Structure formats: C-alpha cells, structure tokens
Amino acid sequence: MATLLKQLPDNQGDTGIGLSFHEDGICVACPHSVEGPTENGLPLTVDFFPARGADVQVRLLQKLASRHSLRSLPATIVMNPASYRLLQVPIPQVQQSEIDSALRWQIRDLVDMDVEDAIILSYPMPGQGRPSSPLLFVVVAERNAVTRAVEMASDAGIKVVSVTTVELALRTLLGVVEKSEQPSLLLAIFPEKTFLIHVVNGELYRTRELDYGAAHLPGSGGGAEDGSWPQRLVTEVGRFVLFCGRHCEQGSAQRLLVPSIVTKLPELSAQLAEETGIAVEQFSPCPVDPHCLPALGAACNGMGGG
C-alpha cells in the first residue's frame, strides 16, 4: 500500500483517471471521448457526482466506469485532506537507512494520528539554497483511509496505480495549464479548506493549508459565514508571499492565480493585489467545480508540465 503513495513526476506514462472521494460525492476526471474543446481547456472531462455513503459511491463509480470505459485506464486517487498531513520538517541527521524511523519519531507530536501505523513518504524540498537546516516534505497519511479509498475504486473495477495529495495534484495541474517558468502562487479555495501553492517551473516549492474555505466567505449562504475571513485570507496570502520571497531560491511569486470565486469579489481581488504587489489572475480551469481541481490535476499526470 505504501508504494501507491508517491510524488507524481511529470511525463509518467499516459493520461489516465483522477479520482477523489468526498462525504457528499465523488470527482472523476478522465480523457475526453468527444472531439472538440472542453470547458476546462484540457483533453479531459471532469465532474462532481453527488452520492453519500461508500456503497452508493462504489455503485455510482461502477456505472461511470462502464459508461466511459474507465477500467483499462490507470487511476490516481487524491486523498481527502482530513486523512493526511503534508509537513515541512528538518532533515534528520542520521544514516539514510534510518531516515524513515527518525521521521516517525520527529513528527509524532506534529500530527493527530498514530504515526507508527501511518504511511510516510518524504521527498526533497527544492529551492532552499544553502540553509543551515535543510528541509524535507513529509506526507503522513492514515493507512486505513488510503486503504479504504483504494478498495472502493478497486471494487468498482478501477485500476489504481497511485495515491497523491491535493497539493501535488494542484502542482501538476498548474504545470500543465500554465507552463510558466516564473514563480507562481495558486490560491485554491475549497468549501472547507484553502491551499496556498508556490510552484516554480512545475515544482512544488512551498505550501500552506488554511482551515477556512468558500463556505466561510460572506454571501456564501452556507450558514458558516465569517465576516473576518476575507481580511485574514488577505493577510495569510501576504505573509506566504513574503515567506517564499525570503526562503525560496527563485524569490517571490510573480503571478497570483485565483479561482473565479475571488475574481467575482472585486474588493477581495483588489485587497490581495495591494497586499502582495502582484496582479491577480483567474486560474483558467476554474469554471470546473472547485471540488474537482485536484482530480483534474491527478488525471493530467503524464501530460507534462515543465
């Protein structure tokens, strides 16, 4: 199971399926079967299908797999953010063979899960220059959650070849869509979470996760609105831009890419531009349901992005 959890490299085989499971439904991204452009500008179809409960979701996925001939395609599952943490930690000063056990000890107080039973993957953090304490990205995932997601897809006849994180899937999507060597910051706002993704030439340099999302924006109508959230979001983005400017070899982001929910709020867009000094641009695939952006990124694996 641990071998399924991996950092998705660019140009890894053919375009396949991207899947993500949510409490209220599933997202499926797959190759577009009809000639002509798609709404997201990629040769992929992506949609969110409402369905509650594991059994209902498996039956729905079985129908989709038959309808769209998905069973022969390699699939990547994007983990639910509640089932993993992506940490940025100092590299343990031990022999290479002892890295994994040292990391488990090092992160035991940083995550609210049993690290002894967790799936752990570490990989280098690029763009650090020559720091006194170099860092690693470390993914810590709940084994049961990963197993359950893979089994659900397998029960529907889907061939799962890898499991990834929201951050890495968004990195892949950004690399494929934008193809820019400039440092870029993607602001991805989901219903309950917000991710800040700093990418340079297709590589994930830094990331930050915030525990507020679209449901908390004033006017969302979801009952969880928080009038202070827009200003706090602006402040967090500004701090993240400054942090990356100081700690990343390539410097601060030159582009700030945001979803349509932000560009539809002119005051918020203006505040972000003023706080960061970066012009705000709409991220082009954003007509897609925000739920589905990570699944779309997972399906982009193999298309190349930098």
C-alpha atoms as a PDB file:
ATOM      1  CA  MET A   1       0.000   0.000   0.000  1.00  0.00           C
ATOM      2  CA  ALA A   2       2.816   2.429   0.820  1.00  0.00           C
ATOM      3  CA  THR A   3       4.161   2.135  -2.708  1.00  0.00           C
ATOM      4  CA  LEU A   4       0.928   3.672  -4.048  1.00  0.00           C
ATOM      5  CA  LEU A   5       1.620   6.909  -2.185  1.00  0.00           C
ATOM      6  CA  LYS A   6       4.077   8.849  -4.288  1.00  0.00           C
ATOM      7  CA  GLN A   7       5.100  12.237  -5.580  1.00  0.00           C
ATOM      8  CA  LEU A   8       3.707  12.293  -9.100  1.00  0.00           C
ATOM      9  CA  PRO A   9       6.535  13.050 -11.551  1.00  0.00           C
ATOM     10  CA  ASP A  10       5.809  14.786 -14.826  1.00  0.00           C
ATOM     11  CA  ASN A  11       5.575  12.702 -18.007  1.00  0.00           C
ATOM     12  CA  GLN A  12       4.740   9.494 -16.170  1.00  0.00           C
ATOM     13  CA  GLY A  13       3.051   7.382 -18.806  1.00  0.00           C
ATOM     14  CA  ASP A  14      -0.326   8.012 -20.392  1.00  0.00           C
ATOM     15  CA  THR A  15      -3.079  10.312 -19.229  1.00  0.00           C
ATOM     16  CA  GLY A  16      -5.439   8.368 -17.002  1.00  0.00           C
ATOM     17  CA  ILE A  17      -8.158   8.891 -14.422  1.00  0.00           C
ATOM     18  CA  GLY A  18      -8.164  11.243 -11.451  1.00  0.00           C
ATOM     19  CA  LEU A  19     -10.470  10.366  -8.531  1.00  0.00           C
ATOM     20  CA  SER A  20     -11.331  11.999  -5.242  1.00  0.00           C
ATOM     21  CA  PHE A  21     -13.870  10.811  -2.689  1.00  0.00           C
ATOM     22  CA  HIS A  22     -15.841  13.284  -0.579  1.00  0.00           C
ATOM     23  CA  GLU A  23     -18.514  12.959   2.077  1.00  0.00           C
ATOM     24  CA  ASP A  24     -21.163  14.169  -0.369  1.00  0.00           C
ATOM     25  CA  GLY A  25     -19.908  12.683  -3.644  1.00  0.00           C
ATOM     26  CA  ILE A  26     -17.022  11.776  -5.927  1.00  0.00           C
ATOM     27  CA  CYS A  27     -14.987  13.658  -8.521  1.00  0.00           C
ATOM     28  CA  VAL A  28     -13.951  11.846 -11.680  1.00  0.00           C
ATOM     29  CA  ALA A  29     -11.611  13.223 -14.330  1.00  0.00           C
ATOM     30  CA  CYS A  30     -10.898  11.141 -17.429  1.00  0.00           C
ATOM     31  CA  PRO A  31      -9.864  11.535 -21.072  1.00  0.00           C
ATOM     32  CA  HIS A  32     -12.392  13.439 -23.176  1.00  0.00           C
ATOM     33  CA  SER A  33     -14.092  10.960 -25.503  1.00  0.00           C
ATOM     34  CA  VAL A  34     -15.569  13.506 -27.921  1.00  0.00           C
ATOM     35  CA  GLU A  35     -13.610  15.682 -30.329  1.00  0.00           C
ATOM     36  CA  GLY A  36     -13.582  19.404 -29.646  1.00  0.00           C
ATOM     37  CA  PRO A  37     -12.666  21.669 -26.736  1.00  0.00           C
ATOM     38  CA  THR A  38     -13.780  21.113 -23.149  1.00  0.00           C
ATOM     39  CA  GLU A  39     -14.795  23.782 -20.654  1.00  0.00           C
ATOM     40  CA  ASN A  40     -11.523  23.361 -18.761  1.00  0.00           C
ATOM     41  CA  GLY A  41      -9.348  23.739 -21.879  1.00  0.00           C
ATOM     42  CA  LEU A  42      -7.783  20.276 -21.458  1.00  0.00           C
ATOM     43  CA  PRO A  43      -8.453  16.978 -23.285  1.00  0.00           C
ATOM     44  CA  LEU A  44     -10.183  15.786 -20.132  1.00  0.00           C
ATOM     45  CA  THR A  45     -13.727  15.551 -18.845  1.00  0.00           C
ATOM     46  CA  VAL A  46     -14.233  16.227 -15.147  1.00  0.00           C
ATOM     47  CA  ASP A  47     -17.346  16.352 -12.986  1.00  0.00           C
ATOM     48  CA  PHE A  48     -18.621  16.057  -9.436  1.00  0.00           C
ATOM     49  CA  PHE A  49     -21.233  13.350  -8.844  1.00  0.00           C
ATOM     50  CA  PRO A  50     -23.338  13.688  -5.678  1.00  0.00           C
ATOM     51  CA  ALA A  51     -23.514  10.455  -3.675  1.00  0.00           C
ATOM     52  CA  ARG A  52     -23.397   9.761   0.065  1.00  0.00           C
ATOM     53  CA  GLY A  53     -22.101   6.572   1.629  1.00  0.00           C
ATOM     54  CA  ALA A  54     -19.357   4.207   0.486  1.00  0.00           C
ATOM     55  CA  ASP A  55     -21.690   1.611  -1.036  1.00  0.00           C
ATOM     56  CA  VAL A  56     -23.599   4.228  -3.026  1.00  0.00           C
ATOM     57  CA  GLN A  57     -20.352   5.778  -4.265  1.00  0.00           C
ATOM     58  CA  VAL A  58     -18.955   2.415  -5.367  1.00  0.00           C
ATOM     59  CA  ARG A  59     -22.132   1.604  -7.322  1.00  0.00           C
ATOM     60  CA  LEU A  60     -22.041   5.022  -8.963  1.00  0.00           C
ATOM     61  CA  LEU A  61     -18.381   4.596  -9.874  1.00  0.00           C
ATOM     62  CA  GLN A  62     -19.149   1.165 -11.340  1.00  0.00           C
ATOM     63  CA  LYS A  63     -21.755   2.749 -13.632  1.00  0.00           C
ATOM     64  CA  LEU A  64     -19.364   5.532 -14.646  1.00  0.00           C
ATOM     65  CA  ALA A  65     -16.578   3.022 -15.307  1.00  0.00           C
ATOM     66  CA  SER A  66     -18.852   1.042 -17.649  1.00  0.00           C
ATOM     67  CA  ARG A  67     -20.321   4.111 -19.340  1.00  0.00           C
ATOM     68  CA  HIS A  68     -16.953   5.758 -20.047  1.00  0.00           C
ATOM     69  CA  SER A  69     -14.732   2.656 -20.468  1.00  0.00           C
ATOM     70  CA  LEU A  70     -12.554   3.575 -17.500  1.00  0.00           C
ATOM     71  CA  ARG A  71     -11.469   0.111 -16.381  1.00  0.00           C
ATOM     72  CA  SER A  72      -8.494  -0.079 -18.760  1.00  0.00           C
ATOM     73  CA  LEU A  73      -7.046   3.268 -17.659  1.00  0.00           C
ATOM     74  CA  PRO A  74      -4.555   3.856 -14.813  1.00  0.00           C
ATOM     75  CA  ALA A  75      -6.125   5.805 -11.960  1.00  0.00           C
ATOM     76  CA  THR A  76      -4.700   8.149  -9.345  1.00  0.00           C
ATOM     77  CA  ILE A  77      -6.658   8.865  -6.172  1.00  0.00           C
ATOM     78  CA  VAL A  78      -6.322  12.252  -4.484  1.00  0.00           C
ATOM     79  CA  MET A  79      -6.545  11.800  -0.736  1.00  0.00           C
ATOM     80  CA  ASN A  80      -9.069  13.710   1.323  1.00  0.00           C
ATOM     81  CA  PRO A  81      -7.178  16.457   3.238  1.00  0.00           C
ATOM     82  CA  ALA A  82      -8.629  15.124   6.503  1.00  0.00           C
ATOM     83  CA  SER A  83      -6.729  11.853   6.036  1.00  0.00           C
ATOM     84  CA  TYR A  84      -3.168  13.175   5.699  1.00  0.00           C
ATOM     85  CA  ARG A  85      -0.758  15.990   6.542  1.00  0.00           C
ATOM     86  CA  LEU A  86       1.943  17.442   4.310  1.00  0.00           C
ATOM     87  CA  LEU A  87       4.704  18.629   6.640  1.00  0.00           C
ATOM     88  CA  GLN A  88       7.885  20.601   6.064  1.00  0.00           C
ATOM     89  CA  VAL A  89      10.471  19.344   8.567  1.00  0.00           C
ATOM     90  CA  PRO A  90      14.264  19.443   9.050  1.00  0.00           C
ATOM     91  CA  ILE A  91      16.157  16.510   7.567  1.00  0.00           C
ATOM     92  CA  PRO A  92      17.095  14.108  10.407  1.00  0.00           C
ATOM     93  CA  GLN A  93      20.847  13.900  10.910  1.00  0.00           C
ATOM     94  CA  VAL A  94      21.032  10.115  10.645  1.00  0.00           C
ATOM     95  CA  GLN A  95      22.133   7.479   8.158  1.00  0.00           C
ATOM     96  CA  GLN A  96      19.945   7.192   5.039  1.00  0.00           C
ATOM     97  CA  SER A  97      18.724   3.766   6.152  1.00  0.00           C
ATOM     98  CA  GLU A  98      17.413   5.315   9.385  1.00  0.00           C
ATOM     99  CA  ILE A  99      15.555   8.267   7.836  1.00  0.00           C
ATOM    100  CA  ASP A 100      12.064   6.721   7.968  1.00  0.00           C
ATOM    101  CA  SER A 101      12.240   5.695  11.618  1.00  0.00           C
ATOM    102  CA  ALA A 102      13.796   9.040  12.561  1.00  0.00           C
ATOM    103  CA  LEU A 103      10.996  10.901  10.772  1.00  0.00           C
ATOM    104  CA  ARG A 104       8.324   8.905  12.609  1.00  0.00           C
ATOM    105  CA  TRP A 105       9.915   9.927  15.906  1.00  0.00           C
ATOM    106  CA  GLN A 106      10.370  13.533  14.785  1.00  0.00           C
ATOM    107  CA  ILE A 107       6.769  14.105  13.655  1.00  0.00           C
ATOM    108  CA  ARG A 108       4.961  12.184  16.400  1.00  0.00           C
ATOM    109  CA  ASP A 109       3.805  15.402  18.110  1.00  0.00           C
ATOM    110  CA  LEU A 110       3.017  17.245  14.875  1.00  0.00           C
ATOM    111  CA  VAL A 111       0.087  15.116  13.679  1.00  0.00           C
ATOM    112  CA  ASP A 112      -3.092  13.845  15.270  1.00  0.00           C
ATOM    113  CA  MET A 113      -2.731  10.242  14.143  1.00  0.00           C
ATOM    114  CA  ASP A 114      -0.864   7.060  15.021  1.00  0.00           C
ATOM    115  CA  VAL A 115       2.457   7.627  13.237  1.00  0.00           C
ATOM    116  CA  GLU A 116       3.531   4.013  13.818  1.00  0.00           C
ATOM    117  CA  ASP A 117       0.665   2.802  11.615  1.00  0.00           C
ATOM    118  CA  ALA A 118       0.729   5.754   9.202  1.00  0.00           C
ATOM    119  CA  ILE A 119       2.066   5.676   5.663  1.00  0.00           C
ATOM    120  CA  ILE A 120       5.000   8.095   5.428  1.00  0.00           C
ATOM    121  CA  LEU A 121       6.671   9.418   2.293  1.00  0.00           C
ATOM    122  CA  SER A 122       9.440  12.013   2.261  1.00  0.00           C
ATOM    123  CA  TYR A 123      10.990  13.848  -0.658  1.00  0.00           C
ATOM    124  CA  PRO A 124      13.350  16.789  -1.123  1.00  0.00           C
ATOM    125  CA  MET A 125      12.102  20.351  -0.887  1.00  0.00           C
ATOM    126  CA  PRO A 126      13.509  22.281  -3.864  1.00  0.00           C
ATOM    127  CA  GLY A 127      14.740  25.864  -3.999  1.00  0.00           C
ATOM    128  CA  GLN A 128      16.213  26.122  -0.493  1.00  0.00           C
ATOM    129  CA  GLY A 129      19.623  27.465  -1.484  1.00  0.00           C
ATOM    130  CA  ARG A 130      22.126  26.621   1.260  1.00  0.00           C
ATOM    131  CA  PRO A 131      20.139  26.668   4.508  1.00  0.00           C
ATOM    132  CA  SER A 132      21.724  25.740   7.836  1.00  0.00           C
ATOM    133  CA  SER A 133      18.860  23.265   8.430  1.00  0.00           C
ATOM    134  CA  PRO A 134      17.617  21.876   5.083  1.00  0.00           C
ATOM    135  CA  LEU A 135      14.002  20.710   4.997  1.00  0.00           C
ATOM    136  CA  LEU A 136      12.062  17.759   3.623  1.00  0.00           C
ATOM    137  CA  PHE A 137       8.462  17.481   2.520  1.00  0.00           C
ATOM    138  CA  VAL A 138       6.889  14.645   4.513  1.00  0.00           C
ATOM    139  CA  VAL A 139       3.466  13.179   3.708  1.00  0.00           C
ATOM    140  CA  VAL A 140       1.866  11.416   6.686  1.00  0.00           C
ATOM    141  CA  ALA A 141      -1.287   9.526   5.688  1.00  0.00           C
ATOM    142  CA  GLU A 142      -3.779   7.450   7.644  1.00  0.00           C
ATOM    143  CA  ARG A 143      -3.284   3.900   6.407  1.00  0.00           C
ATOM    144  CA  ASN A 144      -6.940   2.927   6.882  1.00  0.00           C
ATOM    145  CA  ALA A 145      -8.175   5.929   4.891  1.00  0.00           C
ATOM    146  CA  VAL A 146      -5.817   5.228   1.987  1.00  0.00           C
ATOM    147  CA  THR A 147      -6.724   1.535   2.023  1.00  0.00           C
ATOM    148  CA  ARG A 148     -10.453   2.333   2.069  1.00  0.00           C
ATOM    149  CA  ALA A 149     -10.219   4.712  -0.902  1.00  0.00           C
ATOM    150  CA  VAL A 150      -8.176   2.241  -2.957  1.00  0.00           C
ATOM    151  CA  GLU A 151     -10.579  -0.607  -2.130  1.00  0.00           C
ATOM    152  CA  MET A 152     -13.607   1.482  -3.136  1.00  0.00           C
ATOM    153  CA  ALA A 153     -12.063   2.228  -6.524  1.00  0.00           C
ATOM    154  CA  SER A 154     -10.954  -1.392  -6.972  1.00  0.00           C
ATOM    155  CA  ASP A 155     -14.447  -2.660  -6.086  1.00  0.00           C
ATOM    156  CA  ALA A 156     -15.736  -0.519  -8.956  1.00  0.00           C
ATOM    157  CA  GLY A 157     -13.247  -2.145 -11.324  1.00  0.00           C
ATOM    158  CA  ILE A 158     -10.853   0.822 -11.422  1.00  0.00           C
ATOM    159  CA  LYS A 159      -7.109   0.084 -11.655  1.00  0.00           C
ATOM    160  CA  VAL A 160      -5.430   2.287  -9.032  1.00  0.00           C
ATOM    161  CA  VAL A 161      -1.733   2.898  -9.718  1.00  0.00           C
ATOM    162  CA  SER A 162      -1.007   5.755  -7.312  1.00  0.00           C
ATOM    163  CA  VAL A 163      -2.351   7.891  -4.487  1.00  0.00           C
ATOM    164  CA  THR A 164      -1.398  11.544  -4.105  1.00  0.00           C
ATOM    165  CA  THR A 165      -2.101  14.711  -2.137  1.00  0.00           C
ATOM    166  CA  VAL A 166      -4.177  17.752  -3.013  1.00  0.00           C
ATOM    167  CA  GLU A 167      -1.010  19.874  -3.109  1.00  0.00           C
ATOM    168  CA  LEU A 168       0.835  17.639  -5.572  1.00  0.00           C
ATOM    169  CA  ALA A 169      -2.234  17.233  -7.790  1.00  0.00           C
ATOM    170  CA  LEU A 170      -2.665  21.020  -7.933  1.00  0.00           C
ATOM    171  CA  ARG A 171       1.039  21.390  -8.717  1.00  0.00           C
ATOM    172  CA  THR A 172       0.624  19.051 -11.682  1.00  0.00           C
ATOM    173  CA  LEU A 173      -2.465  20.918 -12.890  1.00  0.00           C
ATOM    174  CA  LEU A 174      -0.725  24.274 -12.604  1.00  0.00           C
ATOM    175  CA  GLY A 175       2.302  22.976 -14.516  1.00  0.00           C
ATOM    176  CA  VAL A 176       0.179  21.595 -17.346  1.00  0.00           C
ATOM    177  CA  VAL A 177      -2.166  24.561 -17.692  1.00  0.00           C
ATOM    178  CA  GLU A 178       0.235  27.467 -17.247  1.00  0.00           C
ATOM    179  CA  LYS A 179       3.603  26.073 -18.463  1.00  0.00           C
ATOM    180  CA  SER A 180       5.356  29.050 -16.870  1.00  0.00           C
ATOM    181  CA  GLU A 181       8.918  29.212 -15.537  1.00  0.00           C
ATOM    182  CA  GLN A 182       8.003  32.198 -13.364  1.00  0.00           C
ATOM    183  CA  PRO A 183       7.333  31.574  -9.676  1.00  0.00           C
ATOM    184  CA  SER A 184       3.556  31.338  -9.347  1.00  0.00           C
ATOM    185  CA  LEU A 185       1.201  31.260  -6.375  1.00  0.00           C
ATOM    186  CA  LEU A 186      -2.054  29.342  -6.726  1.00  0.00           C
ATOM    187  CA  LEU A 187      -4.802  30.207  -4.254  1.00  0.00           C
ATOM    188  CA  ALA A 188      -7.119  27.172  -4.226  1.00  0.00           C
ATOM    189  CA  ILE A 189     -10.310  27.663  -2.213  1.00  0.00           C
ATOM    190  CA  PHE A 190     -12.416  24.601  -1.459  1.00  0.00           C
ATOM    191  CA  PRO A 191     -15.626  24.547   0.602  1.00  0.00           C
ATOM    192  CA  GLU A 192     -13.890  23.973   3.961  1.00  0.00           C
ATOM    193  CA  LYS A 193     -10.173  24.401   3.185  1.00  0.00           C
ATOM    194  CA  THR A 194      -7.864  26.806   1.384  1.00  0.00           C
ATOM    195  CA  PHE A 195      -4.458  25.863  -0.045  1.00  0.00           C
ATOM    196  CA  LEU A 196      -1.617  28.214  -0.978  1.00  0.00           C
ATOM    197  CA  ILE A 197       0.665  26.540  -3.530  1.00  0.00           C
ATOM    198  CA  HIS A 198       4.006  28.126  -4.543  1.00  0.00           C
ATOM    199  CA  VAL A 199       5.236  26.498  -7.763  1.00  0.00           C
ATOM    200  CA  VAL A 200       8.345  27.206  -9.853  1.00  0.00           C
ATOM    201  CA  ASN A 201       8.725  25.615 -13.282  1.00  0.00           C
ATOM    202  CA  GLY A 202       6.398  22.741 -12.417  1.00  0.00           C
ATOM    203  CA  GLU A 203       7.938  22.015  -8.992  1.00  0.00           C
ATOM    204  CA  LEU A 204       6.186  22.446  -5.661  1.00  0.00           C
ATOM    205  CA  TYR A 205       8.394  24.759  -3.591  1.00  0.00           C
ATOM    206  CA  ARG A 206       6.196  25.623  -0.602  1.00  0.00           C
ATOM    207  CA  THR A 207       2.605  25.126   0.517  1.00  0.00           C
ATOM    208  CA  ARG A 208       0.267  26.231   3.285  1.00  0.00           C
ATOM    209  CA  GLU A 209      -3.130  24.884   4.316  1.00  0.00           C
ATOM    210  CA  LEU A 210      -5.790  27.075   5.968  1.00  0.00           C
ATOM    211  CA  ASP A 211      -8.800  25.720   7.857  1.00  0.00           C
ATOM    212  CA  TYR A 212     -11.306  28.073   6.224  1.00  0.00           C
ATOM    213  CA  GLY A 213     -12.790  27.962   2.736  1.00  0.00           C
ATOM    214  CA  ALA A 214     -15.532  29.131   0.408  1.00  0.00           C
ATOM    215  CA  ALA A 215     -18.259  28.204   2.904  1.00  0.00           C
ATOM    216  CA  HIS A 216     -16.896  30.854   5.277  1.00  0.00           C
ATOM    217  CA  LEU A 217     -16.896  33.743   2.788  1.00  0.00           C
ATOM    218  CA  PRO A 218     -19.623  36.361   3.345  1.00  0.00           C
ATOM    219  CA  GLY A 219     -22.540  35.748   0.999  1.00  0.00           C
ATOM    220  CA  SER A 220     -21.827  32.016   0.622  1.00  0.00           C
ATOM    221  CA  GLY A 221     -25.224  31.200   2.125  1.00  0.00           C
ATOM    222  CA  GLY A 222     -23.974  28.087   3.860  1.00  0.00           C
ATOM    223  CA  GLY A 223     -24.512  29.180   7.451  1.00  0.00           C
ATOM    224  CA  ALA A 224     -20.782  29.179   8.272  1.00  0.00           C
ATOM    225  CA  GLU A 225     -20.037  32.685   7.026  1.00  0.00           C
ATOM    226  CA  ASP A 226     -17.325  34.608   8.845  1.00  0.00           C
ATOM    227  CA  GLY A 227     -17.047  38.329   8.150  1.00  0.00           C
ATOM    228  CA  SER A 228     -13.394  38.399   9.267  1.00  0.00           C
ATOM    229  CA  TRP A 229     -12.276  35.609   6.907  1.00  0.00           C
ATOM    230  CA  PRO A 230     -11.595  37.723   3.766  1.00  0.00           C
ATOM    231  CA  GLN A 231      -9.202  40.042   5.619  1.00  0.00           C
ATOM    232  CA  ARG A 232      -7.487  37.117   7.337  1.00  0.00           C
ATOM    233  CA  LEU A 233      -7.142  35.413   3.959  1.00  0.00           C
ATOM    234  CA  VAL A 234      -5.501  38.523   2.523  1.00  0.00           C
ATOM    235  CA  THR A 235      -3.109  38.662   5.488  1.00  0.00           C
ATOM    236  CA  GLU A 236      -2.201  34.953   5.188  1.00  0.00           C
ATOM    237  CA  VAL A 237      -1.527  35.253   1.458  1.00  0.00           C
ATOM    238  CA  GLY A 238       0.646  38.316   2.040  1.00  0.00           C
ATOM    239  CA  ARG A 239       2.669  36.512   4.720  1.00  0.00           C
ATOM    240  CA  PHE A 240       3.092  33.472   2.494  1.00  0.00           C
ATOM    241  CA  VAL A 241       4.369  35.600  -0.401  1.00  0.00           C
ATOM    242  CA  LEU A 242       6.914  37.281   1.897  1.00  0.00           C
ATOM    243  CA  PHE A 243       7.990  33.918   3.347  1.00  0.00           C
ATOM    244  CA  CYS A 244       8.561  32.388  -0.090  1.00  0.00           C
ATOM    245  CA  GLY A 245      10.426  35.507  -1.207  1.00  0.00           C
ATOM    246  CA  ARG A 246      12.842  35.126   1.691  1.00  0.00           C
ATOM    247  CA  HIS A 247      13.272  31.368   1.697  1.00  0.00           C
ATOM    248  CA  CYS A 248      12.978  30.223  -1.950  1.00  0.00           C
ATOM    249  CA  GLU A 249      15.890  30.487  -4.373  1.00  0.00           C
ATOM    250  CA  GLN A 250      13.674  31.827  -7.157  1.00  0.00           C
ATOM    251  CA  GLY A 251      12.168  34.536  -4.942  1.00  0.00           C
ATOM    252  CA  SER A 252       8.577  35.695  -4.567  1.00  0.00           C
ATOM    253  CA  ALA A 253       5.737  34.686  -6.858  1.00  0.00           C
ATOM    254  CA  GLN A 254       5.368  36.812  -9.973  1.00  0.00           C
ATOM    255  CA  ARG A 255       1.823  35.626 -10.625  1.00  0.00           C
ATOM    256  CA  LEU A 256      -1.138  35.205  -8.264  1.00  0.00           C
ATOM    257  CA  LEU A 257      -3.675  32.761  -9.685  1.00  0.00           C
ATOM    258  CA  VAL A 258      -7.086  32.638  -8.028  1.00  0.00           C
ATOM    259  CA  PRO A 259     -10.424  30.846  -8.573  1.00  0.00           C
ATOM    260  CA  SER A 260     -13.473  32.547 -10.013  1.00  0.00           C
ATOM    261  CA  ILE A 261     -14.972  32.890  -6.521  1.00  0.00           C
ATOM    262  CA  VAL A 262     -12.254  35.507  -5.845  1.00  0.00           C
ATOM    263  CA  THR A 263     -12.453  37.364  -9.157  1.00  0.00           C
ATOM    264  CA  LYS A 264     -16.207  37.695  -8.578  1.00  0.00           C
ATOM    265  CA  LEU A 265     -15.398  39.639  -5.406  1.00  0.00           C
ATOM    266  CA  PRO A 266     -13.670  42.792  -6.743  1.00  0.00           C
ATOM    267  CA  GLU A 267     -12.892  44.145  -3.264  1.00  0.00           C
ATOM    268  CA  LEU A 268     -11.153  40.913  -2.235  1.00  0.00           C
ATOM    269  CA  SER A 269      -9.196  40.804  -5.520  1.00  0.00           C
ATOM    270  CA  ALA A 270      -8.077  44.407  -5.018  1.00  0.00           C
ATOM    271  CA  GLN A 271      -7.013  43.725  -1.422  1.00  0.00           C
ATOM    272  CA  LEU A 272      -4.973  40.690  -2.483  1.00  0.00           C
ATOM    273  CA  ALA A 273      -3.238  42.694  -5.203  1.00  0.00           C
ATOM    274  CA  GLU A 274      -2.469  45.542  -2.795  1.00  0.00           C
ATOM    275  CA  GLU A 275      -1.208  43.243  -0.029  1.00  0.00           C
ATOM    276  CA  THR A 276       1.079  41.192  -2.298  1.00  0.00           C
ATOM    277  CA  GLY A 277       2.010  43.683  -5.007  1.00  0.00           C
ATOM    278  CA  ILE A 278       1.075  41.030  -7.587  1.00  0.00           C
ATOM    279  CA  ALA A 279      -1.645  41.340 -10.223  1.00  0.00           C
ATOM    280  CA  VAL A 280      -4.489  38.883  -9.598  1.00  0.00           C
ATOM    281  CA  GLU A 281      -5.301  36.495 -12.467  1.00  0.00           C
ATOM    282  CA  GLN A 282      -8.096  33.952 -12.729  1.00  0.00           C
ATOM    283  CA  PHE A 283      -6.797  30.384 -12.890  1.00  0.00           C
ATOM    284  CA  SER A 284      -8.085  29.216 -16.250  1.00  0.00           C
ATOM    285  CA  PRO A 285      -9.602  25.808 -15.320  1.00  0.00           C
ATOM    286  CA  CYS A 286     -11.729  27.439 -12.622  1.00  0.00           C
ATOM    287  CA  PRO A 287     -15.128  27.063 -14.316  1.00  0.00           C
ATOM    288  CA  VAL A 288     -14.659  23.480 -13.074  1.00  0.00           C
ATOM    289  CA  ASP A 289     -16.362  22.667  -9.753  1.00  0.00           C
ATOM    290  CA  PRO A 290     -13.701  23.505  -7.099  1.00  0.00           C
ATOM    291  CA  HIS A 291     -14.148  20.015  -5.638  1.00  0.00           C
ATOM    292  CA  CYS A 292     -12.703  18.643  -8.870  1.00  0.00           C
ATOM    293  CA  LEU A 293      -9.492  20.618  -9.401  1.00  0.00           C
ATOM    294  CA  PRO A 294      -7.271  18.044  -7.605  1.00  0.00           C
ATOM    295  CA  ALA A 295      -8.849  15.136  -9.519  1.00  0.00           C
ATOM    296  CA  LEU A 296      -8.269  17.066 -12.749  1.00  0.00           C
ATOM    297  CA  GLY A 297      -4.629  17.540 -11.760  1.00  0.00           C
ATOM    298  CA  ALA A 298      -4.239  13.849 -10.998  1.00  0.00           C
ATOM    299  CA  ALA A 299      -5.641  12.977 -14.441  1.00  0.00           C
ATOM    300  CA  CYS A 300      -3.140  15.405 -16.016  1.00  0.00           C
ATOM    301  CA  ASN A 301      -0.264  13.230 -14.837  1.00  0.00           C
ATOM    302  CA  GLY A 302       1.616  12.109 -17.934  1.00  0.00           C
ATOM    303  CA  MET A 303       0.736  15.212 -19.983  1.00  0.00           C
ATOM    304  CA  GLY A 304       3.914  17.011 -18.907  1.00  0.00           C
ATOM    305  CA  GLY A 305       4.106  20.330 -17.223  1.00  0.00           C
ATOM    306  CA  GLY A 306       7.562  21.691 -17.174  1.00  0.00           C
END
